[in-house]
Amino acid sequence: MYFDLRVKRDLDEFYNYREELHSLMNRVSKDKLIVVKGLRRVGKTSLMSVCYNLLDQPKTFLDARDFRNAHDLMNKAFLEIYSQIDPTKKIFEMIDTLDIGPFSLRLDKSKITLDEIENKLKNRRAVIFIDEVQELDDIDKLIAHAYDHTSKIVFVISGSEVGLLERIFYPDKPLFGRLKTEVILTPLDRDKSLEFLRLGFAQEGKEYNERELEEAVDELDGLIGWLTYYGYLRRTYSHKRSLDILKENARLLVMSELERFLSKKRSKRIRYLLILKGLKTPKTWSGVKEYLEFKLKEQISNARLSEYLKELVEHGFVVKQENRYSLADPLLKLLG
């Protein structure tokens, strides 16, 4: 059902993005490193999850937020892959340490190598999906090692902070120079947003008011995560009450995401908040500068302002399109 709040896993639950899904499925059969990119709440995790469930080959899906460090995640990934290609071994009862290149794993005191995994895969490929990959330091180093020493292991990675995801491919990073392909998700346009809500209500057997759908789309601006939440609430509450509940919960969620970012930028906190408030109306770079200087009643250097905007774009709070900056999530407007 479209209005189920859980991550989508089955194709019939997955609205739109069929072209992106086809691209991802195709890339998994050919490439070694695929990056799924897009704003928060645009559907990246659901895209990866549906792809994962459609694959009939060794695979694992891991969320980097569930692990203390990159080594733990990679150990888990290779253990799950190994258990699928050699199910005769009771892997999880035999673990002592893992020793796969830099990973440190041994089973029953005997070393497992990437070559052994490659040989056991034979003519198959194994796919490791990693969501929120930017959360773990050195994960790029381990992916680069596996990339260089295997031909049958595929990595599909994603993260909600697009700029931080890009950083792991900078020239000074281990993954620089490795061939990667990208699958990019963008918010639904107005027509697709309205269609999504209409189809969702049809699945629920619930009548809807076209004017209310248009108002919801105007408020939520094509982010399928918020549209889904609106539809979920609308099954029980009135249109107005649904939007009110959504906005209050969204304000708390968006604020927690922003606070996490601001906690590392304490001396600049006021400036970042002012920029976000100013971008309730899209602005050019010079428009942002004029607004910020007016609010602070002081001059801001061009370099400093560019740094602020770059940080906000990289962390997924602001987008730049056609030389204008705007809020990545329309509900950032609720911050006050």
Protein backbone atom coordinates (compact mmCIF):
# COMPACT_ATOMS: atom_id res chain seq x y z
CA MET A 1 0.00 0.00 0.00
CA TYR A 2 1.34 3.43 -0.93
CA PHE A 3 0.42 4.96 2.42
CA ASP A 4 2.27 2.35 4.51
CA LEU A 5 4.94 4.23 6.47
CA ARG A 6 7.41 1.37 6.40
CA VAL A 7 10.23 1.25 3.86
CA LYS A 8 8.81 -0.21 0.68
CA ARG A 9 10.01 -3.72 -0.12
CA ASP A 10 7.74 -5.04 -2.85
CA LEU A 11 7.33 -3.73 -6.38
CA ASP A 12 3.56 -3.28 -6.07
CA GLU A 13 4.11 -0.94 -3.09
CA PHE A 14 6.59 1.17 -5.00
CA TYR A 15 5.17 4.19 -6.81
CA ASN A 16 7.00 5.80 -9.71
CA TYR A 17 10.83 5.71 -9.97
CA ARG A 18 10.48 2.62 -12.18
CA GLU A 19 13.08 4.00 -14.57
CA GLU A 20 15.50 4.49 -11.67
CA LEU A 21 14.72 0.98 -10.39
CA HIS A 22 15.37 -0.50 -13.83
CA SER A 23 18.64 1.44 -14.00
CA LEU A 24 19.72 0.19 -10.57
CA MET A 25 18.88 -3.43 -11.40
CA ASN A 26 20.81 -3.11 -14.66
CA ARG A 27 23.83 -1.50 -12.98
CA VAL A 28 23.99 -4.20 -10.30
CA SER A 29 24.51 -6.80 -13.03
CA LYS A 30 27.37 -4.86 -14.63
CA ASP A 31 29.10 -2.43 -12.27
CA LYS A 32 30.97 -2.73 -9.00
CA LEU A 33 29.99 0.52 -7.31
CA ILE A 34 26.62 2.27 -7.61
CA VAL A 35 25.70 5.44 -5.71
CA VAL A 36 22.02 6.21 -5.06
CA LYS A 37 21.58 9.95 -4.56
CA GLY A 38 18.73 12.23 -3.60
CA LEU A 39 17.32 14.47 -0.88
CA ARG A 40 16.02 13.24 2.44
CA ARG A 41 12.59 11.59 2.18
CA VAL A 42 12.75 11.26 -1.59
CA GLY A 43 12.64 7.44 -1.47
CA LYS A 44 16.27 6.27 -1.73
CA THR A 45 15.98 3.55 0.92
CA SER A 46 12.78 2.19 -0.61
CA LEU A 47 14.39 2.10 -4.06
CA MET A 48 17.32 0.11 -2.70
CA SER A 49 15.06 -2.16 -0.66
CA VAL A 50 12.82 -3.02 -3.62
CA CYS A 51 15.90 -3.72 -5.74
CA TYR A 52 17.32 -5.90 -2.96
CA ASN A 53 14.16 -8.02 -2.79
CA LEU A 54 14.06 -8.48 -6.55
CA LEU A 55 17.59 -9.87 -6.70
CA ASP A 56 18.09 -13.62 -6.74
CA GLN A 57 21.74 -13.79 -5.71
CA PRO A 58 23.86 -13.47 -2.54
CA LYS A 59 23.09 -10.10 -0.97
CA THR A 60 22.89 -8.12 2.23
CA PHE A 61 21.31 -4.79 3.21
CA LEU A 62 22.89 -2.84 6.06
CA ASP A 63 22.24 0.55 7.65
CA ALA A 64 25.48 2.23 8.71
CA ARG A 65 23.70 3.82 11.68
CA ASP A 66 23.38 0.37 13.26
CA PHE A 67 27.15 -0.13 13.59
CA ARG A 68 29.81 1.30 15.86
CA ASN A 69 32.45 1.42 13.16
CA ALA A 70 33.14 0.54 9.54
CA HIS A 71 34.97 -2.71 10.37
CA ASP A 72 31.93 -4.08 12.21
CA LEU A 73 29.70 -3.28 9.26
CA MET A 74 32.03 -4.86 6.71
CA ASN A 75 32.51 -7.94 8.85
CA LYS A 76 28.74 -8.36 9.05
CA ALA A 77 28.39 -7.85 5.29
CA PHE A 78 30.92 -10.53 4.39
CA LEU A 79 29.64 -12.95 7.00
CA GLU A 80 26.15 -12.73 5.53
CA ILE A 81 27.46 -13.12 1.98
CA TYR A 82 29.64 -16.06 3.00
CA SER A 83 26.77 -17.81 4.77
CA GLN A 84 24.71 -17.62 1.58
CA ILE A 85 27.38 -18.98 -0.74
CA ASP A 86 28.46 -21.76 1.64
CA PRO A 87 25.41 -22.64 3.78
CA THR A 88 27.03 -25.91 4.93
CA LYS A 89 29.05 -23.98 7.48
CA LYS A 90 27.30 -22.75 10.59
CA ILE A 91 29.06 -19.46 10.35
CA PHE A 92 27.51 -17.62 13.22
CA GLU A 93 28.38 -20.43 15.65
CA MET A 94 32.00 -20.56 14.52
CA ILE A 95 33.11 -16.95 14.52
CA ASP A 96 36.39 -16.20 16.20
CA THR A 97 37.76 -13.33 14.09
CA LEU A 98 37.46 -12.33 10.43
CA ASP A 99 40.56 -11.86 8.29
CA ILE A 100 39.59 -10.56 4.86
CA GLY A 101 42.26 -8.09 3.87
CA PRO A 102 41.93 -5.32 6.44
CA PHE A 103 38.74 -6.70 7.99
CA SER A 104 40.03 -9.19 10.65
CA LEU A 105 37.76 -12.24 10.54
CA ARG A 106 38.45 -15.91 11.12
CA LEU A 107 36.07 -18.84 11.10
CA ASP A 108 36.89 -21.97 13.06
CA LYS A 109 40.53 -20.81 13.23
CA SER A 110 40.84 -21.00 9.42
CA LYS A 111 41.36 -17.90 7.36
CA ILE A 112 38.74 -16.77 4.86
CA THR A 113 40.07 -14.72 1.97
CA LEU A 114 38.39 -12.60 -0.64
CA ASP A 115 39.75 -15.06 -3.21
CA GLU A 116 37.86 -17.86 -1.49
CA ILE A 117 34.64 -15.86 -1.57
CA GLU A 118 35.25 -15.05 -5.24
CA ASN A 119 35.78 -18.74 -6.05
CA LYS A 120 32.66 -19.83 -4.19
CA LEU A 121 30.58 -17.24 -6.01
CA LYS A 122 31.58 -18.89 -9.31
CA ASN A 123 29.55 -17.13 -12.01
CA ARG A 124 27.39 -15.15 -9.57
CA ARG A 125 27.80 -11.67 -8.12
CA ALA A 126 27.16 -10.70 -4.50
CA VAL A 127 25.59 -7.33 -3.71
CA ILE A 128 26.22 -5.32 -0.54
CA PHE A 129 23.71 -2.50 0.03
CA ILE A 130 24.83 0.14 2.56
CA ASP A 131 22.44 2.93 3.54
CA GLU A 132 23.59 6.14 5.28
CA VAL A 133 27.17 5.27 4.36
CA GLN A 134 28.47 8.70 5.39
CA GLU A 135 27.87 7.84 9.05
CA LEU A 136 31.01 5.70 9.43
CA ASP A 137 34.59 6.91 9.21
CA ASP A 138 36.89 4.83 7.00
CA ILE A 139 34.05 2.95 5.31
CA ASP A 140 35.39 4.31 2.01
CA LYS A 141 38.77 2.73 2.75
CA LEU A 142 37.25 -0.70 3.23
CA ILE A 143 35.02 -0.40 0.17
CA ALA A 144 38.06 0.65 -1.86
CA HIS A 145 39.99 -2.41 -0.66
CA ALA A 146 37.17 -4.76 -1.60
CA TYR A 147 36.72 -2.94 -4.92
CA ASP A 148 40.39 -3.44 -5.78
CA HIS A 149 40.60 -7.09 -4.69
CA THR A 150 37.33 -8.55 -5.94
CA SER A 151 35.51 -8.68 -9.25
CA LYS A 152 32.23 -10.22 -8.06
CA ILE A 153 31.32 -8.02 -5.09
CA VAL A 154 29.01 -5.10 -5.91
CA PHE A 155 28.43 -2.17 -3.57
CA VAL A 156 25.26 -0.09 -3.67
CA ILE A 157 25.64 2.86 -1.31
CA SER A 158 23.47 5.80 -0.34
CA GLY A 159 23.21 8.59 2.20
CA SER A 160 20.86 11.40 3.14
CA GLU A 161 23.63 14.02 3.23
CA VAL A 162 24.45 14.24 -0.45
CA GLY A 163 27.51 16.46 -0.11
CA LEU A 164 29.11 14.21 2.51
CA LEU A 165 28.48 11.26 0.21
CA GLU A 166 30.29 13.14 -2.56
CA ARG A 167 33.27 13.78 -0.29
CA ILE A 168 34.26 10.10 -0.17
CA PHE A 169 35.17 10.41 -3.86
CA TYR A 170 37.42 13.48 -3.47
CA PRO A 171 40.99 13.21 -4.84
CA ASP A 172 42.48 12.73 -1.37
CA LYS A 173 40.10 9.84 -0.52
CA PRO A 174 40.62 6.08 -1.03
CA LEU A 175 37.73 5.72 -3.49
CA PHE A 176 38.99 8.44 -5.82
CA GLY A 177 39.41 7.14 -9.35
CA ARG A 178 37.23 4.06 -8.88
CA LEU A 179 34.56 3.85 -11.54
CA LYS A 180 31.11 4.49 -10.13
CA THR A 181 27.66 4.98 -11.59
CA GLU A 182 24.90 7.08 -10.09
CA VAL A 183 21.17 6.62 -9.78
CA ILE A 184 19.56 9.95 -8.88
CA LEU A 185 16.09 10.40 -7.39
CA THR A 186 14.37 13.77 -7.58
CA PRO A 187 11.11 14.91 -5.94
CA LEU A 188 7.89 14.14 -7.78
CA ASP A 189 6.54 16.89 -9.99
CA ARG A 190 3.09 18.30 -9.23
CA ASP A 191 1.20 15.95 -11.56
CA LYS A 192 2.98 12.86 -10.20
CA SER A 193 2.40 14.01 -6.61
CA LEU A 194 -1.32 14.35 -7.23
CA GLU A 195 -1.43 11.00 -9.00
CA PHE A 196 0.35 9.34 -6.08
CA LEU A 197 -2.24 10.65 -3.62
CA ARG A 198 -5.18 9.70 -5.86
CA LEU A 199 -3.88 6.16 -6.34
CA GLY A 200 -3.12 5.83 -2.64
CA PHE A 201 -6.65 6.81 -1.68
CA ALA A 202 -8.02 4.44 -4.32
CA GLN A 203 -6.07 1.61 -2.66
CA GLU A 204 -7.63 2.58 0.65
CA GLY A 205 -11.12 2.76 -0.88
CA LYS A 206 -11.37 6.31 0.42
CA GLU A 207 -12.93 9.26 -1.37
CA TYR A 208 -10.93 12.44 -1.64
CA ASN A 209 -11.41 16.11 -2.41
CA GLU A 210 -9.27 17.33 -5.31
CA ARG A 211 -8.82 20.77 -3.77
CA GLU A 212 -7.47 19.20 -0.58
CA LEU A 213 -5.00 17.08 -2.56
CA GLU A 214 -3.76 20.17 -4.35
CA GLU A 215 -3.29 21.96 -1.03
CA ALA A 216 -1.35 19.01 0.38
CA VAL A 217 0.92 18.91 -2.68
CA ASP A 218 1.50 22.68 -2.44
CA GLU A 219 2.59 22.23 1.18
CA LEU A 220 4.72 19.09 0.72
CA ASP A 221 6.31 19.81 -2.66
CA GLY A 222 6.86 16.36 -4.15
CA LEU A 223 8.77 14.65 -1.32
CA ILE A 224 7.22 11.22 -1.34
CA GLY A 225 8.03 10.64 2.33
CA TRP A 226 5.82 13.55 3.41
CA LEU A 227 3.10 12.72 0.86
CA THR A 228 3.00 9.16 2.23
CA TYR A 229 2.70 10.44 5.78
CA TYR A 230 -0.13 12.78 4.79
CA GLY A 231 -2.01 9.89 3.15
CA TYR A 232 -1.43 7.72 6.21
CA LEU A 233 -2.87 10.38 8.52
CA ARG A 234 -5.73 11.21 6.16
CA ARG A 235 -7.09 7.68 6.56
CA THR A 236 -8.09 8.66 10.11
CA TYR A 237 -8.19 12.45 10.35
CA SER A 238 -9.63 15.35 8.40
CA HIS A 239 -7.52 17.07 5.77
CA LYS A 240 -6.70 20.03 8.02
CA ARG A 241 -5.99 17.87 11.06
CA SER A 242 -3.75 15.60 8.99
CA LEU A 243 -1.66 18.54 7.79
CA ASP A 244 -1.47 19.96 11.32
CA ILE A 245 -0.23 16.67 12.79
CA LEU A 246 2.21 16.17 9.94
CA LYS A 247 3.64 19.67 10.32
CA GLU A 248 4.13 19.34 14.06
CA ASN A 249 5.85 15.97 13.79
CA ALA A 250 7.84 17.15 10.77
CA ARG A 251 8.99 20.23 12.68
CA LEU A 252 10.36 18.02 15.46
CA LEU A 253 12.07 15.66 13.03
CA VAL A 254 13.57 18.37 10.87
CA MET A 255 14.72 20.26 13.95
CA SER A 256 16.46 17.17 15.32
CA GLU A 257 18.26 16.70 11.99
CA LEU A 258 19.28 20.34 11.96
CA GLU A 259 20.36 20.30 15.61
CA ARG A 260 22.66 17.40 14.88
CA PHE A 261 24.34 19.52 12.22
CA LEU A 262 24.37 22.71 14.32
CA SER A 263 25.88 20.93 17.33
CA LYS A 264 29.16 20.85 15.40
CA LYS A 265 28.86 24.47 14.28
CA ARG A 266 28.10 26.25 17.54
CA SER A 267 29.95 29.47 16.79
CA LYS A 268 28.07 29.78 13.49
CA ARG A 269 24.69 28.56 14.69
CA ILE A 270 22.89 31.90 14.42
CA ARG A 271 24.20 32.49 10.91
CA TYR A 272 23.07 29.11 9.62
CA LEU A 273 19.62 29.57 11.13
CA LEU A 274 19.31 33.04 9.63
CA ILE A 275 20.25 31.74 6.19
CA LEU A 276 17.61 29.02 6.43
CA LYS A 277 14.97 31.51 7.53
CA GLY A 278 15.93 33.79 4.67
CA LEU A 279 15.56 30.95 2.18
CA LYS A 280 11.88 30.53 2.89
CA THR A 281 11.89 32.55 -0.31
CA PRO A 282 14.51 31.33 -2.85
CA LYS A 283 17.41 33.73 -3.28
CA THR A 284 20.50 34.24 -5.37
CA TRP A 285 23.91 34.18 -3.70
CA SER A 286 23.91 37.98 -3.53
CA GLY A 287 20.36 37.93 -2.16
CA VAL A 288 21.45 35.63 0.66
CA LYS A 289 24.41 37.91 1.41
CA GLU A 290 22.22 41.00 1.51
CA TYR A 291 19.68 39.30 3.80
CA LEU A 292 22.30 37.91 6.19
CA GLU A 293 24.17 41.21 6.48
CA PHE A 294 20.92 43.06 7.11
CA LYS A 295 19.96 40.65 9.91
CA LEU A 296 23.42 40.61 11.51
CA LYS A 297 24.06 44.30 10.88
CA GLU A 298 27.60 43.50 9.83
CA GLN A 299 29.44 42.60 6.65
CA ILE A 300 30.13 38.98 5.72
CA SER A 301 33.05 38.11 3.48
CA ASN A 302 32.29 36.40 0.19
CA ALA A 303 34.44 33.42 1.15
CA ARG A 304 32.68 32.99 4.48
CA LEU A 305 29.20 33.12 2.94
CA SER A 306 30.21 30.60 0.27
CA GLU A 307 31.43 28.32 3.05
CA TYR A 308 28.10 28.56 4.88
CA LEU A 309 26.07 27.81 1.76
CA LYS A 310 28.34 24.93 0.75
CA GLU A 311 27.92 23.33 4.18
CA LEU A 312 24.13 23.65 4.07
CA VAL A 313 24.00 22.17 0.57
CA GLU A 314 26.35 19.32 1.48
CA HIS A 315 24.27 18.38 4.51
CA GLY A 316 21.07 18.37 2.49
CA PHE A 317 19.30 21.39 3.99
CA VAL A 318 19.62 23.66 0.96
CA VAL A 319 19.60 23.05 -2.78
CA LYS A 320 21.04 25.19 -5.54
CA GLN A 321 19.22 25.34 -8.86
CA GLU A 322 19.83 27.81 -11.67
CA ASN A 323 21.93 30.08 -9.45
CA ARG A 324 19.24 30.29 -6.79
CA TYR A 325 19.32 28.74 -3.34
CA SER A 326 16.21 27.31 -1.71
CA LEU A 327 15.21 25.00 1.14
CA ALA A 328 15.65 21.32 0.26
CA ASP A 329 12.62 20.37 2.35
CA PRO A 330 9.58 22.66 2.26
CA LEU A 331 8.86 21.85 5.88
CA LEU A 332 12.09 23.54 6.95
CA LYS A 333 9.89 26.63 6.78
CA LEU A 334 8.32 25.46 10.03
CA LEU A 335 11.47 26.20 12.03
CA GLY A 336 10.22 29.71 12.70
